[in-house]
């Protein structure tokens, strides 16, 4: 019987991160706008941060400046469109763009 090599927790966490899920859904809402819903296997947004995540340079991370969502919101507004976020029962978040 061969001994299996032991894996460190660091290696296991890296493997968990490689199992990301991205889901896209498209539909027409009641206003007949085209909507793209995007969800991934990331964490839900804290309720206290829901109104802040689209503010330029807002971040909950130790590093980085997180301008992506603020830029997304500005681009959507410039096209008379909207972007929103909602948390799901599964513990992740869905971002919606309505055109």
C-alpha atoms as a PDB file:
ATOM      1  CA  UNK A   1       0.000   0.000   0.000  1.00  0.00           C
ATOM      2  CA  UNK A   2       1.425   3.373  -1.038  1.00  0.00           C
ATOM      3  CA  UNK A   3       1.193   6.445   1.123  1.00  0.00           C
ATOM      4  CA  UNK A   4      -0.571   9.308  -0.602  1.00  0.00           C
ATOM      5  CA  UNK A   5       1.280  12.617  -0.397  1.00  0.00           C
ATOM      6  CA  UNK A   6      -0.312  15.018   2.036  1.00  0.00           C
ATOM      7  CA  UNK A   7      -1.614  18.261   0.634  1.00  0.00           C
ATOM      8  CA  UNK A   8      -1.347  21.471   2.545  1.00  0.00           C
ATOM      9  CA  UNK A   9      -4.383  23.636   3.307  1.00  0.00           C
ATOM     10  CA  UNK A  10      -2.919  26.247   0.956  1.00  0.00           C
ATOM     11  CA  UNK A  11      -3.060  23.809  -1.951  1.00  0.00           C
ATOM     12  CA  UNK A  12      -6.627  22.776  -1.101  1.00  0.00           C
ATOM     13  CA  UNK A  13      -7.760  26.398  -0.989  1.00  0.00           C
ATOM     14  CA  UNK A  14      -6.188  27.055  -4.375  1.00  0.00           C
ATOM     15  CA  UNK A  15      -8.077  24.068  -5.806  1.00  0.00           C
ATOM     16  CA  UNK A  16     -11.330  25.354  -4.303  1.00  0.00           C
ATOM     17  CA  UNK A  17     -10.754  28.709  -5.996  1.00  0.00           C
ATOM     18  CA  UNK A  18     -10.326  26.979  -9.351  1.00  0.00           C
ATOM     19  CA  UNK A  19     -13.892  25.659  -9.135  1.00  0.00           C
ATOM     20  CA  UNK A  20     -15.537  29.006  -9.836  1.00  0.00           C
ATOM     21  CA  UNK A  21     -19.027  29.177 -11.278  1.00  0.00           C
ATOM     22  CA  UNK A  22     -20.327  31.908 -13.573  1.00  0.00           C
ATOM     23  CA  UNK A  23     -23.972  32.016 -14.606  1.00  0.00           C
ATOM     24  CA  UNK A  24     -25.485  34.344 -17.201  1.00  0.00           C
ATOM     25  CA  UNK A  25     -29.192  34.835 -17.791  1.00  0.00           C
ATOM     26  CA  UNK A  26     -30.831  37.127 -20.341  1.00  0.00           C
ATOM     27  CA  UNK A  27     -34.467  38.187 -20.538  1.00  0.00           C
ATOM     28  CA  UNK A  28     -36.836  41.106 -21.158  1.00  0.00           C
ATOM     29  CA  UNK A  29     -38.172  42.742 -18.003  1.00  0.00           C
ATOM     30  CA  UNK A  30     -41.695  44.167 -17.588  1.00  0.00           C
ATOM     31  CA  UNK A  31     -40.505  47.452 -19.143  1.00  0.00           C
ATOM     32  CA  UNK A  32     -39.304  45.447 -22.156  1.00  0.00           C
ATOM     33  CA  UNK A  33     -35.667  46.260 -21.407  1.00  0.00           C
ATOM     34  CA  UNK A  34     -33.027  43.677 -22.218  1.00  0.00           C
ATOM     35  CA  UNK A  35     -31.508  42.437 -18.941  1.00  0.00           C
ATOM     36  CA  UNK A  36     -28.302  40.505 -18.397  1.00  0.00           C
ATOM     37  CA  UNK A  37     -27.994  38.828 -14.977  1.00  0.00           C
ATOM     38  CA  UNK A  38     -24.493  37.759 -13.983  1.00  0.00           C
ATOM     39  CA  UNK A  39     -23.735  35.616 -10.936  1.00  0.00           C
ATOM     40  CA  UNK A  40     -20.592  33.844  -9.848  1.00  0.00           C
ATOM     41  CA  UNK A  41     -19.572  31.657  -6.946  1.00  0.00           C
ATOM     42  CA  UNK A  42     -18.248  34.632  -4.976  1.00  0.00           C
ATOM     43  CA  UNK A  43     -19.646  35.857  -1.687  1.00  0.00           C
ATOM     44  CA  UNK A  44     -22.809  37.866  -1.182  1.00  0.00           C
ATOM     45  CA  UNK A  45     -22.489  41.615  -0.628  1.00  0.00           C
ATOM     46  CA  UNK A  46     -22.832  42.717   2.999  1.00  0.00           C
ATOM     47  CA  UNK A  47     -26.077  44.646   3.422  1.00  0.00           C
ATOM     48  CA  UNK A  48     -24.138  47.560   4.918  1.00  0.00           C
ATOM     49  CA  UNK A  49     -22.094  47.782   1.676  1.00  0.00           C
ATOM     50  CA  UNK A  50     -24.975  47.524  -0.818  1.00  0.00           C
ATOM     51  CA  UNK A  51     -25.148  51.285  -1.391  1.00  0.00           C
ATOM     52  CA  UNK A  52     -21.372  51.723  -1.327  1.00  0.00           C
ATOM     53  CA  UNK A  53     -20.153  49.164  -3.869  1.00  0.00           C
ATOM     54  CA  UNK A  54     -20.803  51.484  -6.827  1.00  0.00           C
ATOM     55  CA  UNK A  55     -18.881  54.389  -5.228  1.00  0.00           C
ATOM     56  CA  UNK A  56     -15.465  55.004  -6.857  1.00  0.00           C
ATOM     57  CA  UNK A  57     -12.526  53.604  -4.845  1.00  0.00           C
ATOM     58  CA  UNK A  58     -14.768  51.855  -2.284  1.00  0.00           C
ATOM     59  CA  UNK A  59     -13.283  48.496  -1.332  1.00  0.00           C
ATOM     60  CA  UNK A  60     -13.467  45.931   1.415  1.00  0.00           C
ATOM     61  CA  UNK A  61     -10.150  44.418   0.325  1.00  0.00           C
ATOM     62  CA  UNK A  62      -6.790  45.082   1.947  1.00  0.00           C
ATOM     63  CA  UNK A  63      -5.246  45.971  -1.427  1.00  0.00           C
ATOM     64  CA  UNK A  64      -6.502  47.515  -4.637  1.00  0.00           C
ATOM     65  CA  UNK A  65      -8.756  50.413  -5.509  1.00  0.00           C
ATOM     66  CA  UNK A  66     -11.871  48.682  -6.908  1.00  0.00           C
ATOM     67  CA  UNK A  67     -13.026  51.116  -9.557  1.00  0.00           C
ATOM     68  CA  UNK A  68     -14.707  48.473 -11.731  1.00  0.00           C
ATOM     69  CA  UNK A  69     -18.273  48.660 -10.408  1.00  0.00           C
ATOM     70  CA  UNK A  70     -18.201  52.469 -10.253  1.00  0.00           C
ATOM     71  CA  UNK A  71     -17.034  52.587 -13.875  1.00  0.00           C
ATOM     72  CA  UNK A  72     -19.684  50.055 -14.868  1.00  0.00           C
ATOM     73  CA  UNK A  73     -22.397  52.192 -13.260  1.00  0.00           C
ATOM     74  CA  UNK A  74     -21.186  55.351 -15.035  1.00  0.00           C
ATOM     75  CA  UNK A  75     -21.087  53.579 -18.408  1.00  0.00           C
ATOM     76  CA  UNK A  76     -24.584  52.203 -17.889  1.00  0.00           C
ATOM     77  CA  UNK A  77     -25.971  55.608 -16.832  1.00  0.00           C
ATOM     78  CA  UNK A  78     -24.384  57.247 -19.886  1.00  0.00           C
ATOM     79  CA  UNK A  79     -26.483  54.887 -22.034  1.00  0.00           C
ATOM     80  CA  UNK A  80     -29.680  55.518 -20.042  1.00  0.00           C
ATOM     81  CA  UNK A  81     -29.319  52.015 -18.592  1.00  0.00           C
ATOM     82  CA  UNK A  82     -29.059  50.645 -15.058  1.00  0.00           C
ATOM     83  CA  UNK A  83     -26.919  48.263 -13.053  1.00  0.00           C
ATOM     84  CA  UNK A  84     -27.989  46.720  -9.747  1.00  0.00           C
ATOM     85  CA  UNK A  85     -26.950  44.000  -7.317  1.00  0.00           C
ATOM     86  CA  UNK A  86     -28.966  41.584  -5.189  1.00  0.00           C
ATOM     87  CA  UNK A  87     -27.984  38.768  -2.864  1.00  0.00           C
ATOM     88  CA  UNK A  88     -29.215  35.245  -3.503  1.00  0.00           C
ATOM     89  CA  UNK A  89     -30.351  32.487  -1.154  1.00  0.00           C
ATOM     90  CA  UNK A  90     -27.269  30.469  -2.133  1.00  0.00           C
ATOM     91  CA  UNK A  91     -24.998  33.053  -0.462  1.00  0.00           C
ATOM     92  CA  UNK A  92     -23.731  34.707  -3.642  1.00  0.00           C
ATOM     93  CA  UNK A  93     -24.743  37.873  -5.483  1.00  0.00           C
ATOM     94  CA  UNK A  94     -26.272  38.617  -8.870  1.00  0.00           C
ATOM     95  CA  UNK A  95     -25.428  41.764 -10.819  1.00  0.00           C
ATOM     96  CA  UNK A  96     -28.051  42.923 -13.315  1.00  0.00           C
ATOM     97  CA  UNK A  97     -27.615  45.262 -16.256  1.00  0.00           C
ATOM     98  CA  UNK A  98     -30.839  46.572 -17.822  1.00  0.00           C
ATOM     99  CA  UNK A  99     -30.566  48.231 -21.237  1.00  0.00           C
END
